[in-house]
Amino acid sequence: MDEGISKKFAIQLLEDDAERIKMLIRNQKNSLCISQCKAFEEVVDTQMYGFSRQVTYATRLGILTNEEGHRLLSDLERELNQLYTDVYEETQEKNEIGKEG
């Protein structure tokens, strides 16, 4: 197998895993669980830890550069933070609307 193909494949697998973690949170957006459930936070933390270990492993094998690994992790963290922010703002808006009624 060509080195470029295996690197591309490895990056695609990691990006797929990152997308799976994002979907896990997106699927909970309509519930209060994200903002109120410790168990859900622990699931996300566990998924993030596992993902970071995969990135570290790929970096140690030389499949990813340190910069590529950091980019994958920081992109995922940034997107997750945005999802959490969106959920928080939606919850705040619902609470404000509820107080008006």
PDB file of N, CA and C in Angstrom:
ATOM      1  N   MET A   1       0.841  -1.177   0.000  1.00  0.00           N
ATOM      2  CA  MET A   1       0.000   0.000   0.000  1.00  0.00           C
ATOM      3  C   MET A   1       0.887   1.242   0.000  1.00  0.00           C
ATOM      4  N   ASP A   2       0.552   2.208  -0.796  1.00  0.00           N
ATOM      5  CA  ASP A   2       1.296   3.454  -0.918  1.00  0.00           C
ATOM      6  C   ASP A   2       1.191   4.259   0.380  1.00  0.00           C
ATOM      7  N   GLU A   3       2.301   4.861   0.811  1.00  0.00           N
ATOM      8  CA  GLU A   3       2.343   5.637   2.061  1.00  0.00           C
ATOM      9  C   GLU A   3       1.299   6.753   2.067  1.00  0.00           C
ATOM     10  N   GLY A   4       1.143   7.463   0.936  1.00  0.00           N
ATOM     11  CA  GLY A   4       0.163   8.542   0.866  1.00  0.00           C
ATOM     12  C   GLY A   4      -1.255   8.038   1.030  1.00  0.00           C
ATOM     13  N   ILE A   5      -1.541   6.897   0.466  1.00  0.00           N
ATOM     14  CA  ILE A   5      -2.888   6.336   0.587  1.00  0.00           C
ATOM     15  C   ILE A   5      -3.164   5.948   2.030  1.00  0.00           C
ATOM     16  N   SER A   6      -2.228   5.313   2.702  1.00  0.00           N
ATOM     17  CA  SER A   6      -2.462   4.904   4.083  1.00  0.00           C
ATOM     18  C   SER A   6      -2.608   6.127   4.995  1.00  0.00           C
ATOM     19  N   LYS A   7      -1.859   7.184   4.732  1.00  0.00           N
ATOM     20  CA  LYS A   7      -1.992   8.397   5.530  1.00  0.00           C
ATOM     21  C   LYS A   7      -3.367   9.012   5.299  1.00  0.00           C
ATOM     22  N   LYS A   8      -3.764   9.088   4.042  1.00  0.00           N
ATOM     23  CA  LYS A   8      -5.074   9.647   3.721  1.00  0.00           C
ATOM     24  C   LYS A   8      -6.181   8.823   4.374  1.00  0.00           C
ATOM     25  N   PHE A   9      -6.051   7.512   4.326  1.00  0.00           N
ATOM     26  CA  PHE A   9      -7.037   6.620   4.923  1.00  0.00           C
ATOM     27  C   PHE A   9      -7.089   6.809   6.438  1.00  0.00           C
ATOM     28  N   ALA A  10      -5.927   6.903   7.073  1.00  0.00           N
ATOM     29  CA  ALA A  10      -5.870   7.095   8.525  1.00  0.00           C
ATOM     30  C   ALA A  10      -6.518   8.414   8.927  1.00  0.00           C
ATOM     31  N   ILE A  11      -6.233   9.470   8.197  1.00  0.00           N
ATOM     32  CA  ILE A  11      -6.834  10.767   8.496  1.00  0.00           C
ATOM     33  C   ILE A  11      -8.347  10.701   8.313  1.00  0.00           C
ATOM     34  N   GLN A  12      -8.795  10.022   7.269  1.00  0.00           N
ATOM     35  CA  GLN A  12     -10.231   9.884   7.037  1.00  0.00           C
ATOM     36  C   GLN A  12     -10.899   9.131   8.189  1.00  0.00           C
ATOM     37  N   LEU A  13     -10.258   8.071   8.666  1.00  0.00           N
ATOM     38  CA  LEU A  13     -10.808   7.317   9.799  1.00  0.00           C
ATOM     39  C   LEU A  13     -10.924   8.203  11.041  1.00  0.00           C
ATOM     40  N   LEU A  14      -9.890   8.994  11.301  1.00  0.00           N
ATOM     41  CA  LEU A  14      -9.920   9.883  12.462  1.00  0.00           C
ATOM     42  C   LEU A  14     -10.993  10.959  12.297  1.00  0.00           C
ATOM     43  N   GLU A  15     -11.121  11.504  11.099  1.00  0.00           N
ATOM     44  CA  GLU A  15     -12.154  12.510  10.856  1.00  0.00           C
ATOM     45  C   GLU A  15     -13.549  11.893  11.000  1.00  0.00           C
ATOM     46  N   ASP A  16     -13.704  10.641  10.571  1.00  0.00           N
ATOM     47  CA  ASP A  16     -14.986   9.940  10.754  1.00  0.00           C
ATOM     48  C   ASP A  16     -15.296   9.767  12.240  1.00  0.00           C
ATOM     49  N   ASP A  17     -14.285   9.420  13.027  1.00  0.00           N
ATOM     50  CA  ASP A  17     -14.483   9.272  14.469  1.00  0.00           C
ATOM     51  C   ASP A  17     -14.849  10.613  15.111  1.00  0.00           C
ATOM     52  N   ALA A  18     -14.204  11.677  14.670  1.00  0.00           N
ATOM     53  CA  ALA A  18     -14.527  13.010  15.193  1.00  0.00           C
ATOM     54  C   ALA A  18     -15.974  13.358  14.860  1.00  0.00           C
ATOM     55  N   GLU A  19     -16.404  13.046  13.651  1.00  0.00           N
ATOM     56  CA  GLU A  19     -17.785  13.313  13.246  1.00  0.00           C
ATOM     57  C   GLU A  19     -18.769  12.500  14.094  1.00  0.00           C
ATOM     58  N   ARG A  20     -18.413  11.281  14.416  1.00  0.00           N
ATOM     59  CA  ARG A  20     -19.261  10.429  15.251  1.00  0.00           C
ATOM     60  C   ARG A  20     -19.456  11.057  16.634  1.00  0.00           C
ATOM     61  N   ILE A  21     -18.400  11.619  17.193  1.00  0.00           N
ATOM     62  CA  ILE A  21     -18.492  12.277  18.496  1.00  0.00           C
ATOM     63  C   ILE A  21     -19.390  13.510  18.391  1.00  0.00           C
ATOM     64  N   LYS A  22     -19.240  14.284  17.322  1.00  0.00           N
ATOM     65  CA  LYS A  22     -20.089  15.464  17.135  1.00  0.00           C
ATOM     66  C   LYS A  22     -21.554  15.060  17.002  1.00  0.00           C
ATOM     67  N   MET A  23     -21.809  13.983  16.274  1.00  0.00           N
ATOM     68  CA  MET A  23     -23.184  13.509  16.099  1.00  0.00           C
ATOM     69  C   MET A  23     -23.779  13.058  17.429  1.00  0.00           C
ATOM     70  N   LEU A  24     -22.966  12.471  18.280  1.00  0.00           N
ATOM     71  CA  LEU A  24     -23.414  12.058  19.596  1.00  0.00           C
ATOM     72  C   LEU A  24     -24.010  13.253  20.341  1.00  0.00           C
ATOM     73  N   ILE A  25     -23.349  14.383  20.256  1.00  0.00           N
ATOM     74  CA  ILE A  25     -23.832  15.585  20.932  1.00  0.00           C
ATOM     75  C   ILE A  25     -25.007  16.201  20.183  1.00  0.00           C
ATOM     76  N   ARG A  26     -24.908  16.285  18.866  1.00  0.00           N
ATOM     77  CA  ARG A  26     -26.017  16.857  18.087  1.00  0.00           C
ATOM     78  C   ARG A  26     -27.318  16.103  18.324  1.00  0.00           C
ATOM     79  N   ASN A  27     -27.225  14.793  18.473  1.00  0.00           N
ATOM     80  CA  ASN A  27     -28.422  13.984  18.686  1.00  0.00           C
ATOM     81  C   ASN A  27     -29.065  14.264  20.039  1.00  0.00           C
ATOM     82  N   GLN A  28     -28.331  14.879  20.940  1.00  0.00           N
ATOM     83  CA  GLN A  28     -28.876  15.213  22.259  1.00  0.00           C
ATOM     84  C   GLN A  28     -29.291  16.679  22.358  1.00  0.00           C
ATOM     85  N   LYS A  29     -29.124  17.436  21.290  1.00  0.00           N
ATOM     86  CA  LYS A  29     -29.368  18.880  21.346  1.00  0.00           C
ATOM     87  C   LYS A  29     -30.767  19.243  21.817  1.00  0.00           C
ATOM     88  N   ASN A  30     -31.752  18.436  21.499  1.00  0.00           N
ATOM     89  CA  ASN A  30     -33.122  18.792  21.844  1.00  0.00           C
ATOM     90  C   ASN A  30     -33.490  18.443  23.276  1.00  0.00           C
ATOM     91  N   SER A  31     -32.585  17.848  23.995  1.00  0.00           N
ATOM     92  CA  SER A  31     -32.902  17.513  25.389  1.00  0.00           C
ATOM     93  C   SER A  31     -32.048  18.357  26.320  1.00  0.00           C
ATOM     94  N   LEU A  32     -32.465  18.395  27.556  1.00  0.00           N
ATOM     95  CA  LEU A  32     -31.692  19.135  28.550  1.00  0.00           C
ATOM     96  C   LEU A  32     -30.501  18.337  29.036  1.00  0.00           C
ATOM     97  N   CYS A  33     -30.362  17.132  28.532  1.00  0.00           N
ATOM     98  CA  CYS A  33     -29.326  16.233  29.043  1.00  0.00           C
ATOM     99  C   CYS A  33     -27.925  16.832  28.923  1.00  0.00           C
ATOM    100  N   ILE A  34     -27.655  17.505  27.821  1.00  0.00           N
ATOM    101  CA  ILE A  34     -26.307  18.049  27.634  1.00  0.00           C
ATOM    102  C   ILE A  34     -25.941  18.988  28.776  1.00  0.00           C
ATOM    103  N   SER A  35     -26.884  19.827  29.172  1.00  0.00           N
ATOM    104  CA  SER A  35     -26.558  20.810  30.199  1.00  0.00           C
ATOM    105  C   SER A  35     -26.753  20.295  31.615  1.00  0.00           C
ATOM    106  N   GLN A  36     -27.434  19.146  31.779  1.00  0.00           N
ATOM    107  CA  GLN A  36     -27.767  18.712  33.128  1.00  0.00           C
ATOM    108  C   GLN A  36     -27.305  17.307  33.496  1.00  0.00           C
ATOM    109  N   CYS A  37     -26.875  16.509  32.549  1.00  0.00           N
ATOM    110  CA  CYS A  37     -26.538  15.111  32.842  1.00  0.00           C
ATOM    111  C   CYS A  37     -25.031  14.910  32.969  1.00  0.00           C
ATOM    112  N   LYS A  38     -24.609  14.538  34.163  1.00  0.00           N
ATOM    113  CA  LYS A  38     -23.189  14.217  34.363  1.00  0.00           C
ATOM    114  C   LYS A  38     -22.792  12.995  33.549  1.00  0.00           C
ATOM    115  N   ALA A  39     -23.696  12.028  33.436  1.00  0.00           N
ATOM    116  CA  ALA A  39     -23.389  10.799  32.686  1.00  0.00           C
ATOM    117  C   ALA A  39     -23.087  11.123  31.237  1.00  0.00           C
ATOM    118  N   PHE A  40     -23.842  12.037  30.648  1.00  0.00           N
ATOM    119  CA  PHE A  40     -23.589  12.407  29.251  1.00  0.00           C
ATOM    120  C   PHE A  40     -22.229  13.084  29.115  1.00  0.00           C
ATOM    121  N   GLU A  41     -21.906  13.966  30.054  1.00  0.00           N
ATOM    122  CA  GLU A  41     -20.594  14.626  30.044  1.00  0.00           C
ATOM    123  C   GLU A  41     -19.478  13.596  30.110  1.00  0.00           C
ATOM    124  N   GLU A  42     -19.663  12.584  30.941  1.00  0.00           N
ATOM    125  CA  GLU A  42     -18.642  11.546  31.075  1.00  0.00           C
ATOM    126  C   GLU A  42     -18.488  10.747  29.781  1.00  0.00           C
ATOM    127  N   VAL A  43     -19.591  10.493  29.097  1.00  0.00           N
ATOM    128  CA  VAL A  43     -19.524   9.789  27.809  1.00  0.00           C
ATOM    129  C   VAL A  43     -18.716  10.617  26.817  1.00  0.00           C
ATOM    130  N   VAL A  44     -19.020  11.904  26.735  1.00  0.00           N
ATOM    131  CA  VAL A  44     -18.288  12.780  25.810  1.00  0.00           C
ATOM    132  C   VAL A  44     -16.814  12.845  26.197  1.00  0.00           C
ATOM    133  N   ASP A  45     -16.530  12.982  27.484  1.00  0.00           N
ATOM    134  CA  ASP A  45     -15.137  13.022  27.939  1.00  0.00           C
ATOM    135  C   ASP A  45     -14.401  11.731  27.563  1.00  0.00           C
ATOM    136  N   THR A  46     -15.074  10.605  27.744  1.00  0.00           N
ATOM    137  CA  THR A  46     -14.468   9.316  27.393  1.00  0.00           C
ATOM    138  C   THR A  46     -14.211   9.222  25.889  1.00  0.00           C
ATOM    139  N   GLN A  47     -15.175   9.673  25.098  1.00  0.00           N
ATOM    140  CA  GLN A  47     -15.004   9.664  23.641  1.00  0.00           C
ATOM    141  C   GLN A  47     -13.842  10.569  23.225  1.00  0.00           C
ATOM    142  N   MET A  48     -13.760  11.737  23.839  1.00  0.00           N
ATOM    143  CA  MET A  48     -12.677  12.672  23.524  1.00  0.00           C
ATOM    144  C   MET A  48     -11.324  12.091  23.922  1.00  0.00           C
ATOM    145  N   TYR A  49     -11.269  11.447  25.079  1.00  0.00           N
ATOM    146  CA  TYR A  49     -10.021  10.844  25.514  1.00  0.00           C
ATOM    147  C   TYR A  49      -9.600   9.750  24.527  1.00  0.00           C
ATOM    148  N   GLY A  50     -10.538   8.904  24.157  1.00  0.00           N
ATOM    149  CA  GLY A  50     -10.239   7.836  23.194  1.00  0.00           C
ATOM    150  C   GLY A  50      -9.748   8.405  21.867  1.00  0.00           C
ATOM    151  N   PHE A  51     -10.406   9.469  21.416  1.00  0.00           N
ATOM    152  CA  PHE A  51     -10.004  10.094  20.160  1.00  0.00           C
ATOM    153  C   PHE A  51      -8.590  10.667  20.275  1.00  0.00           C
ATOM    154  N   SER A  52      -8.300  11.302  21.390  1.00  0.00           N
ATOM    155  CA  SER A  52      -6.960  11.880  21.562  1.00  0.00           C
ATOM    156  C   SER A  52      -5.894  10.787  21.577  1.00  0.00           C
ATOM    157  N   ARG A  53      -6.223   9.618  22.158  1.00  0.00           N
ATOM    158  CA  ARG A  53      -5.275   8.497  22.159  1.00  0.00           C
ATOM    159  C   ARG A  53      -5.056   7.982  20.734  1.00  0.00           C
ATOM    160  N   GLN A  54      -6.123   7.926  19.930  1.00  0.00           N
ATOM    161  CA  GLN A  54      -5.978   7.497  18.538  1.00  0.00           C
ATOM    162  C   GLN A  54      -5.072   8.457  17.772  1.00  0.00           C
ATOM    163  N   VAL A  55      -5.270   9.746  17.987  1.00  0.00           N
ATOM    164  CA  VAL A  55      -4.449  10.752  17.313  1.00  0.00           C
ATOM    165  C   VAL A  55      -2.992  10.620  17.759  1.00  0.00           C
ATOM    166  N   THR A  56      -2.784  10.434  19.049  1.00  0.00           N
ATOM    167  CA  THR A  56      -1.419  10.255  19.565  1.00  0.00           C
ATOM    168  C   THR A  56      -0.761   9.031  18.940  1.00  0.00           C
ATOM    169  N   TYR A  57      -1.504   7.953  18.858  1.00  0.00           N
ATOM    170  CA  TYR A  57      -0.979   6.713  18.259  1.00  0.00           C
ATOM    171  C   TYR A  57      -0.601   6.938  16.794  1.00  0.00           C
ATOM    172  N   ALA A  58      -1.478   7.582  16.045  1.00  0.00           N
ATOM    173  CA  ALA A  58      -1.194   7.851  14.633  1.00  0.00           C
ATOM    174  C   ALA A  58       0.023   8.763  14.490  1.00  0.00           C
ATOM    175  N   THR A  59       0.177   9.696  15.413  1.00  0.00           N
ATOM    176  CA  THR A  59       1.335  10.598  15.388  1.00  0.00           C
ATOM    177  C   THR A  59       2.617   9.827  15.693  1.00  0.00           C
ATOM    178  N   ARG A  60       2.546   8.967  16.694  1.00  0.00           N
ATOM    179  CA  ARG A  60       3.734   8.181  17.061  1.00  0.00           C
ATOM    180  C   ARG A  60       4.154   7.240  15.942  1.00  0.00           C
ATOM    181  N   LEU A  61       3.187   6.740  15.180  1.00  0.00           N
ATOM    182  CA  LEU A  61       3.509   5.863  14.047  1.00  0.00           C
ATOM    183  C   LEU A  61       4.075   6.637  12.859  1.00  0.00           C
ATOM    184  N   GLY A  62       3.960   7.949  12.908  1.00  0.00           N
ATOM    185  CA  GLY A  62       4.441   8.773  11.803  1.00  0.00           C
ATOM    186  C   GLY A  62       3.402   8.947  10.705  1.00  0.00           C
ATOM    187  N   ILE A  63       2.162   8.527  10.965  1.00  0.00           N
ATOM    188  CA  ILE A  63       1.095   8.693   9.979  1.00  0.00           C
ATOM    189  C   ILE A  63       0.644  10.146   9.942  1.00  0.00           C
ATOM    190  N   LEU A  64       0.624  10.774  11.107  1.00  0.00           N
ATOM    191  CA  LEU A  64       0.286  12.192  11.227  1.00  0.00           C
ATOM    192  C   LEU A  64       1.487  12.950  11.754  1.00  0.00           C
ATOM    193  N   THR A  65       1.612  14.196  11.345  1.00  0.00           N
ATOM    194  CA  THR A  65       2.599  15.071  11.967  1.00  0.00           C
ATOM    195  C   THR A  65       1.983  15.589  13.268  1.00  0.00           C
ATOM    196  N   ASN A  66       2.811  16.136  14.135  1.00  0.00           N
ATOM    197  CA  ASN A  66       2.291  16.742  15.365  1.00  0.00           C
ATOM    198  C   ASN A  66       1.267  17.822  15.041  1.00  0.00           C
ATOM    199  N   GLU A  67       1.547  18.617  14.013  1.00  0.00           N
ATOM    200  CA  GLU A  67       0.641  19.702  13.634  1.00  0.00           C
ATOM    201  C   GLU A  67      -0.707  19.152  13.175  1.00  0.00           C
ATOM    202  N   GLU A  68      -0.683  18.077  12.373  1.00  0.00           N
ATOM    203  CA  GLU A  68      -1.938  17.474  11.909  1.00  0.00           C
ATOM    204  C   GLU A  68      -2.738  16.929  13.082  1.00  0.00           C
ATOM    205  N   GLY A  69      -2.061  16.286  14.016  1.00  0.00           N
ATOM    206  CA  GLY A  69      -2.728  15.756  15.197  1.00  0.00           C
ATOM    207  C   GLY A  69      -3.355  16.850  16.042  1.00  0.00           C
ATOM    208  N   HIS A  70      -2.599  17.924  16.259  1.00  0.00           N
ATOM    209  CA  HIS A  70      -3.126  19.051  17.034  1.00  0.00           C
ATOM    210  C   HIS A  70      -4.317  19.680  16.317  1.00  0.00           C
ATOM    211  N   ARG A  71      -4.246  19.758  14.999  1.00  0.00           N
ATOM    212  CA  ARG A  71      -5.342  20.344  14.234  1.00  0.00           C
ATOM    213  C   ARG A  71      -6.611  19.520  14.390  1.00  0.00           C
ATOM    214  N   LEU A  72      -6.487  18.199  14.267  1.00  0.00           N
ATOM    215  CA  LEU A  72      -7.656  17.333  14.416  1.00  0.00           C
ATOM    216  C   LEU A  72      -8.292  17.511  15.799  1.00  0.00           C
ATOM    217  N   LEU A  73      -7.462  17.514  16.824  1.00  0.00           N
ATOM    218  CA  LEU A  73      -7.985  17.663  18.190  1.00  0.00           C
ATOM    219  C   LEU A  73      -8.580  19.047  18.426  1.00  0.00           C
ATOM    220  N   SER A  74      -7.884  20.081  17.995  1.00  0.00           N
ATOM    221  CA  SER A  74      -8.400  21.429  18.249  1.00  0.00           C
ATOM    222  C   SER A  74      -9.653  21.706  17.428  1.00  0.00           C
ATOM    223  N   ASP A  75      -9.735  21.180  16.206  1.00  0.00           N
ATOM    224  CA  ASP A  75     -10.952  21.353  15.402  1.00  0.00           C
ATOM    225  C   ASP A  75     -12.146  20.703  16.104  1.00  0.00           C
ATOM    226  N   LEU A  76     -11.952  19.488  16.600  1.00  0.00           N
ATOM    227  CA  LEU A  76     -13.035  18.793  17.283  1.00  0.00           C
ATOM    228  C   LEU A  76     -13.427  19.531  18.568  1.00  0.00           C
ATOM    229  N   GLU A  77     -12.458  19.932  19.351  1.00  0.00           N
ATOM    230  CA  GLU A  77     -12.760  20.659  20.590  1.00  0.00           C
ATOM    231  C   GLU A  77     -13.499  21.959  20.304  1.00  0.00           C
ATOM    232  N   ARG A  78     -13.079  22.683  19.279  1.00  0.00           N
ATOM    233  CA  ARG A  78     -13.731  23.939  18.919  1.00  0.00           C
ATOM    234  C   ARG A  78     -15.193  23.694  18.513  1.00  0.00           C
ATOM    235  N   GLU A  79     -15.416  22.669  17.691  1.00  0.00           N
ATOM    236  CA  GLU A  79     -16.781  22.363  17.261  1.00  0.00           C
ATOM    237  C   GLU A  79     -17.647  21.897  18.420  1.00  0.00           C
ATOM    238  N   LEU A  80     -17.088  21.093  19.316  1.00  0.00           N
ATOM    239  CA  LEU A  80     -17.850  20.650  20.481  1.00  0.00           C
ATOM    240  C   LEU A  80     -18.202  21.826  21.384  1.00  0.00           C
ATOM    241  N   ASN A  81     -17.249  22.729  21.573  1.00  0.00           N
ATOM    242  CA  ASN A  81     -17.529  23.917  22.383  1.00  0.00           C
ATOM    243  C   ASN A  81     -18.646  24.743  21.761  1.00  0.00           C
ATOM    244  N   GLN A  82     -18.650  24.851  20.434  1.00  0.00           N
ATOM    245  CA  GLN A  82     -19.708  25.601  19.759  1.00  0.00           C
ATOM    246  C   GLN A  82     -21.058  24.917  19.935  1.00  0.00           C
ATOM    247  N   LEU A  83     -21.069  23.582  19.836  1.00  0.00           N
ATOM    248  CA  LEU A  83     -22.317  22.844  20.050  1.00  0.00           C
ATOM    249  C   LEU A  83     -22.839  23.060  21.470  1.00  0.00           C
ATOM    250  N   TYR A  84     -21.954  22.996  22.449  1.00  0.00           N
ATOM    251  CA  TYR A  84     -22.358  23.230  23.831  1.00  0.00           C
ATOM    252  C   TYR A  84     -22.895  24.657  23.994  1.00  0.00           C
ATOM    253  N   THR A  85     -22.226  25.620  23.385  1.00  0.00           N
ATOM    254  CA  THR A  85     -22.668  27.015  23.457  1.00  0.00           C
ATOM    255  C   THR A  85     -24.050  27.163  22.835  1.00  0.00           C
ATOM    256  N   ASP A  86     -24.260  26.550  21.673  1.00  0.00           N
ATOM    257  CA  ASP A  86     -25.564  26.617  21.009  1.00  0.00           C
ATOM    258  C   ASP A  86     -26.660  26.042  21.899  1.00  0.00           C
ATOM    259  N   VAL A  87     -26.386  24.905  22.518  1.00  0.00           N
ATOM    260  CA  VAL A  87     -27.380  24.270  23.393  1.00  0.00           C
ATOM    261  C   VAL A  87     -27.664  25.165  24.599  1.00  0.00           C
ATOM    262  N   TYR A  88     -26.626  25.726  25.173  1.00  0.00           N
ATOM    263  CA  TYR A  88     -26.797  26.603  26.330  1.00  0.00           C
ATOM    264  C   TYR A  88     -27.657  27.807  25.966  1.00  0.00           C
ATOM    265  N   GLU A  89     -27.362  28.423  24.801  1.00  0.00           N
ATOM    266  CA  GLU A  89     -28.125  29.597  24.379  1.00  0.00           C
ATOM    267  C   GLU A  89     -29.577  29.239  24.090  1.00  0.00           C
ATOM    268  N   GLU A  90     -29.812  28.086  23.469  1.00  0.00           N
ATOM    269  CA  GLU A  90     -31.180  27.643  23.206  1.00  0.00           C
ATOM    270  C   GLU A  90     -31.928  27.419  24.515  1.00  0.00           C
ATOM    271  N   THR A  91     -31.268  26.827  25.499  1.00  0.00           N
ATOM    272  CA  THR A  91     -31.886  26.576  26.798  1.00  0.00           C
ATOM    273  C   THR A  91     -32.226  27.903  27.479  1.00  0.00           C
ATOM    274  N   GLN A  92     -31.302  28.871  27.404  1.00  0.00           N
ATOM    275  CA  GLN A  92     -31.543  30.185  28.001  1.00  0.00           C
ATOM    276  C   GLN A  92     -32.729  30.869  27.335  1.00  0.00           C
ATOM    277  N   GLU A  93     -32.807  30.792  25.997  1.00  0.00           N
ATOM    278  CA  GLU A  93     -33.914  31.410  25.271  1.00  0.00           C
ATOM    279  C   GLU A  93     -35.240  30.779  25.678  1.00  0.00           C
ATOM    280  N   LYS A  94     -35.277  29.453  25.801  1.00  0.00           N
ATOM    281  CA  LYS A  94     -36.508  28.760  26.212  1.00  0.00           C
ATOM    282  C   LYS A  94     -36.904  29.178  27.623  1.00  0.00           C
ATOM    283  N   ASN A  95     -35.928  29.318  28.496  1.00  0.00           N
ATOM    284  CA  ASN A  95     -36.226  29.750  29.865  1.00  0.00           C
ATOM    285  C   ASN A  95     -36.787  31.154  29.898  1.00  0.00           C
ATOM    286  N   GLU A  96     -36.237  32.049  29.073  1.00  0.00           N
ATOM    287  CA  GLU A  96     -36.722  33.435  29.010  1.00  0.00           C
ATOM    288  C   GLU A  96     -38.137  33.485  28.453  1.00  0.00           C
ATOM    289  N   ILE A  97     -38.400  32.691  27.417  1.00  0.00           N
ATOM    290  CA  ILE A  97     -39.744  32.649  26.825  1.00  0.00           C
ATOM    291  C   ILE A  97     -40.738  32.096  27.854  1.00  0.00           C
ATOM    292  N   GLY A  98     -40.321  31.094  28.590  1.00  0.00           N
ATOM    293  CA  GLY A  98     -41.179  30.523  29.629  1.00  0.00           C
ATOM    294  C   GLY A  98     -41.527  31.508  30.728  1.00  0.00           C
ATOM    295  N   LYS A  99     -40.613  32.416  31.056  1.00  0.00           N
ATOM    296  CA  LYS A  99     -40.854  33.423  32.099  1.00  0.00           C
ATOM    297  C   LYS A  99     -41.826  34.491  31.624  1.00  0.00           C
ATOM    298  N   GLU A 100     -41.810  34.744  30.297  1.00  0.00           N
ATOM    299  CA  GLU A 100     -42.683  35.791  29.744  1.00  0.00           C
ATOM    300  C   GLU A 100     -44.147  35.358  29.759  1.00  0.00           C
ATOM    301  N   GLY A 101     -44.383  34.032  29.595  1.00  0.00           N
ATOM    302  CA  GLY A 101     -45.752  33.518  29.465  1.00  0.00           C
ATOM    303  C   GLY A 101     -46.440  33.465  30.738  1.00  0.00           C
TER     304      GLY A 101
END
